[in-house]
Amino acid sequence: MDQFFTSEEEPFRVGDSNLHLFLNHPYRLDCGFIFLCMGGEAVISTDVLVHPIRVNSKVTLFPGTIFTLLEASEDFQVRFLTFSHALFEESNYRLGTSFIGFIKENPVYHMSGDQATLF
């Protein structure tokens, strides 16, 4: 789980993972979490909503979200960015509550291959 934690000295982290630490273990996120599915398939739960994940699915989760990896194929792999609660608060102030609300209600976006490459 340490690979996902942020600190004052390190307000964001980037890496690759299969997210198996979250498999069938609901976890309330202390930080923000964005990931892009690079391979395989999975099913996740965000708060009480269930979402299928496939290659090029982008998932955006905010601090306080209850996240669970419900299912994952053997080749499931993501590239992730986590960001501190303080960094989230700063962006929340700049982006506004309607935008943040929209993202919270629609955390999964299935991108085309070109969109994923740009992302």
Protein backbone atom coordinates (compact mmCIF):
# COMPACT_ATOMS: atom_id res chain seq x y z
CA MET A 1 0.00 0.00 0.00
CA ASP A 2 2.99 2.32 0.59
CA GLN A 3 3.46 2.84 -3.13
CA PHE A 4 0.17 4.77 -3.21
CA PHE A 5 0.65 7.01 -0.15
CA THR A 6 1.58 10.66 -0.49
CA SER A 7 3.21 13.00 2.01
CA GLU A 8 4.07 16.69 2.38
CA GLU A 9 7.49 15.97 0.89
CA GLU A 10 5.97 13.89 -1.92
CA PRO A 11 2.48 15.31 -2.76
CA PHE A 12 2.02 12.94 -5.71
CA ARG A 13 3.30 9.56 -6.84
CA VAL A 14 3.36 7.83 -10.22
CA GLY A 15 3.78 4.15 -10.93
CA ASP A 16 2.49 0.89 -12.32
CA SER A 17 0.46 -1.69 -10.42
CA ASN A 18 -1.99 -4.57 -10.68
CA LEU A 19 -3.90 -3.05 -7.72
CA HIS A 20 -4.17 -6.48 -6.06
CA LEU A 21 -3.70 -4.81 -2.67
CA PHE A 22 -7.28 -3.58 -3.10
CA LEU A 23 -8.70 -6.96 -4.21
CA ASN A 24 -11.87 -7.62 -2.19
CA HIS A 25 -10.76 -5.13 0.50
CA PRO A 26 -12.77 -1.88 0.59
CA TYR A 27 -10.43 1.01 1.30
CA ARG A 28 -11.32 4.67 1.99
CA LEU A 29 -8.81 6.70 -0.02
CA ASP A 30 -6.86 9.35 1.88
CA CYS A 31 -5.54 10.76 -1.37
CA GLY A 32 -6.74 11.27 -4.93
CA PHE A 33 -6.14 8.44 -7.35
CA ILE A 34 -6.14 8.48 -11.16
CA PHE A 35 -5.31 5.38 -13.14
CA LEU A 36 -5.32 4.22 -16.72
CA CYS A 37 -5.85 0.54 -17.53
CA MET A 38 -2.89 -0.60 -19.62
CA GLY A 39 -3.85 -4.27 -19.90
CA GLY A 40 -6.45 -6.82 -18.92
CA GLU A 41 -9.86 -6.22 -17.42
CA ALA A 42 -11.31 -5.62 -13.98
CA VAL A 43 -14.43 -4.71 -12.08
CA ILE A 44 -14.18 -2.01 -9.43
CA SER A 45 -16.49 -0.51 -6.85
CA THR A 46 -16.42 3.21 -6.05
CA ASP A 47 -18.50 3.93 -2.97
CA VAL A 48 -21.54 1.79 -3.93
CA LEU A 49 -21.27 1.91 -7.74
CA VAL A 50 -19.78 -0.95 -9.78
CA HIS A 51 -17.77 -0.24 -12.94
CA PRO A 52 -16.21 -2.52 -15.57
CA ILE A 53 -12.64 -1.55 -16.49
CA ARG A 54 -10.87 -2.44 -19.72
CA VAL A 55 -7.81 -1.27 -21.65
CA ASN A 56 -7.82 2.54 -21.98
CA SER A 57 -10.33 3.05 -19.16
CA LYS A 58 -9.37 6.09 -17.09
CA VAL A 59 -10.53 6.18 -13.50
CA THR A 60 -10.51 9.34 -11.35
CA LEU A 61 -11.13 8.96 -7.61
CA PHE A 62 -11.11 11.68 -4.98
CA PRO A 63 -10.04 11.54 -1.34
CA GLY A 64 -12.71 9.90 0.78
CA THR A 65 -13.91 7.53 -1.96
CA ILE A 66 -14.36 3.93 -0.87
CA PHE A 67 -12.52 1.90 -3.51
CA THR A 68 -12.54 -1.88 -4.01
CA LEU A 69 -11.06 -4.03 -6.75
CA LEU A 70 -13.81 -6.67 -7.08
CA GLU A 71 -12.34 -8.74 -9.93
CA ALA A 72 -9.20 -8.59 -12.07
CA SER A 73 -7.81 -10.68 -14.90
CA GLU A 74 -4.33 -12.11 -14.50
CA ASP A 75 -2.92 -9.51 -16.93
CA PHE A 76 -4.69 -6.51 -15.35
CA GLN A 77 -2.23 -3.61 -15.12
CA VAL A 78 -2.62 0.12 -14.55
CA ARG A 79 -0.45 3.21 -14.67
CA PHE A 80 -1.40 5.44 -11.75
CA LEU A 81 -1.02 8.89 -10.26
CA THR A 82 -1.91 9.54 -6.63
CA PHE A 83 -2.11 13.06 -5.24
CA SER A 84 -2.37 14.41 -1.71
CA HIS A 85 -5.54 15.71 -0.12
CA ALA A 86 -3.94 19.18 0.01
CA LEU A 87 -3.27 19.09 -3.73
CA PHE A 88 -6.88 18.01 -4.29
CA GLU A 89 -8.17 20.89 -2.17
CA GLU A 90 -6.14 23.36 -4.22
CA SER A 91 -7.46 21.99 -7.52
CA ASN A 92 -11.00 21.74 -6.13
CA TYR A 93 -10.89 25.46 -5.36
CA ARG A 94 -9.74 26.26 -8.90
CA LEU A 95 -12.01 23.84 -10.79
CA GLY A 96 -15.24 24.43 -8.91
CA THR A 97 -17.73 22.16 -7.26
CA SER A 98 -19.84 21.41 -10.36
CA PHE A 99 -16.83 19.97 -12.23
CA ILE A 100 -15.65 17.99 -9.21
CA GLY A 101 -19.22 16.73 -8.67
CA PHE A 102 -19.44 15.56 -12.29
CA ILE A 103 -16.15 13.64 -12.02
CA LYS A 104 -17.21 12.08 -8.71
CA GLU A 105 -20.48 10.87 -10.26
CA ASN A 106 -18.69 9.64 -13.42
CA PRO A 107 -15.32 8.29 -12.25
CA VAL A 108 -14.74 5.95 -15.22
CA TYR A 109 -14.18 7.14 -18.77
CA HIS A 110 -13.46 4.66 -21.57
CA MET A 111 -11.03 6.40 -23.93
CA SER A 112 -10.06 5.61 -27.48
CA GLY A 113 -6.51 4.44 -28.11
CA ASP A 114 -5.52 7.91 -29.38
CA GLN A 115 -7.00 9.60 -26.31
CA ALA A 116 -5.18 7.15 -24.01
CA THR A 117 -1.89 7.84 -25.78
CA LEU A 118 -2.33 11.59 -25.28
CA PHE A 119 -3.33 11.06 -21.65
